[in-house]
Amino acid sequence: MIFERMRHATAEELTAVDGIGDVLADAWIDYFASEKNREAVDGLLAELTIENEAENTEAAIFAGMTFCHHRFGGAFCQSQGITGGH
């Protein structure tokens, strides 16, 4: 389970995740260093049924494509953030 790997992750592993910095990683590690906190989380997890979400393959149809909107003689390419006239 991903959560089990996360609760034992090092600061380096946590900060490799986009949006997690040193302060959050240290708080996470400190939280799970406490036996009381680990027991509380384990108690909550025992009450939950976590189902894996089905993979959405429809979104992958457009992966790697660039969509341009032409208006008033200019173009805006959404995936590239490019503007210019054509």
Protein backbone atom coordinates (compact mmCIF):
# COMPACT_ATOMS: atom_id res chain seq x y z
CA MET A 1 0.00 0.00 0.00
CA ILE A 2 1.30 3.45 -0.90
CA PHE A 3 0.34 4.90 2.48
CA GLU A 4 2.46 2.31 4.29
CA ARG A 5 5.48 3.33 2.21
CA MET A 6 4.75 7.00 2.92
CA ARG A 7 4.53 6.60 6.67
CA HIS A 8 8.06 5.12 6.69
CA ALA A 9 9.52 7.52 4.09
CA THR A 10 12.67 9.51 4.69
CA ALA A 11 12.76 13.30 4.48
CA GLU A 12 14.60 12.97 1.17
CA GLU A 13 11.88 10.72 -0.26
CA LEU A 14 9.10 13.02 0.93
CA THR A 15 10.69 16.21 -0.40
CA ALA A 16 11.07 14.55 -3.80
CA VAL A 17 7.27 14.83 -4.08
CA ASP A 18 6.15 18.07 -5.73
CA GLY A 19 4.68 20.39 -3.10
CA ILE A 20 6.35 18.78 -0.06
CA GLY A 21 9.16 20.83 1.43
CA ASP A 22 11.44 20.34 4.41
CA VAL A 23 8.95 21.67 6.97
CA LEU A 24 6.12 19.37 5.88
CA ALA A 25 8.44 16.37 5.55
CA ASP A 26 9.81 16.95 9.07
CA ALA A 27 6.27 17.33 10.48
CA TRP A 28 5.22 14.08 8.76
CA ILE A 29 8.20 12.18 10.13
CA ASP A 30 7.71 13.63 13.63
CA TYR A 31 4.02 12.68 13.57
CA PHE A 32 4.71 9.04 12.73
CA ALA A 33 7.57 8.84 15.24
CA SER A 34 4.89 8.82 17.97
CA GLU A 35 3.47 5.40 18.85
CA LYS A 36 0.22 7.09 19.94
CA ASN A 37 -0.18 8.70 16.49
CA ARG A 38 0.64 5.45 14.68
CA GLU A 39 -1.97 3.61 16.75
CA ALA A 40 -4.57 6.32 16.03
CA VAL A 41 -3.94 6.10 12.28
CA ASP A 42 -3.99 2.29 12.38
CA GLY A 43 -7.33 2.44 14.21
CA LEU A 44 -8.78 4.70 11.53
CA LEU A 45 -7.41 2.56 8.72
CA ALA A 46 -8.99 -0.53 10.28
CA GLU A 47 -12.41 1.14 9.89
CA LEU A 48 -11.91 2.11 6.23
CA THR A 49 -12.30 0.21 3.03
CA ILE A 50 -10.05 1.80 0.43
CA GLU A 51 -10.75 0.86 -3.14
CA ASN A 52 -8.40 1.48 -6.03
CA GLU A 53 -9.83 3.90 -8.54
CA ALA A 54 -10.12 2.60 -12.08
CA GLU A 55 -7.56 4.12 -14.39
CA ASN A 56 -9.01 6.74 -16.73
CA THR A 57 -7.58 5.91 -20.14
CA GLU A 58 -9.72 8.45 -21.98
CA ALA A 59 -7.53 11.37 -20.90
CA ALA A 60 -4.46 9.63 -22.33
CA ILE A 61 -5.94 9.92 -25.83
CA PHE A 62 -4.82 13.57 -25.94
CA ALA A 63 -1.45 13.13 -24.22
CA GLY A 64 1.36 14.94 -26.02
CA MET A 65 -0.98 16.92 -28.29
CA THR A 66 -1.06 20.68 -28.64
CA PHE A 67 -4.36 22.49 -29.12
CA CYS A 68 -4.38 25.94 -30.70
CA HIS A 69 -7.22 28.43 -30.66
CA HIS A 70 -7.13 30.90 -33.53
CA ARG A 71 -8.90 34.19 -32.91
CA PHE A 72 -8.51 37.67 -34.32
CA GLY A 73 -5.48 36.69 -36.37
CA GLY A 74 -3.57 35.30 -33.40
CA ALA A 75 -3.07 31.83 -32.04
CA PHE A 76 -2.94 30.57 -28.51
CA CYS A 77 -1.49 27.10 -28.05
CA GLN A 78 -2.78 25.85 -24.74
CA SER A 79 -0.36 23.06 -23.92
CA GLN A 80 2.65 25.12 -24.94
CA GLY A 81 1.47 28.51 -23.64
CA ILE A 82 2.62 30.05 -26.93
CA THR A 83 0.98 33.12 -28.39
CA GLY A 84 1.60 34.54 -31.82
CA GLY A 85 -0.03 35.65 -35.05
CA HIS A 86 -0.71 33.36 -38.02
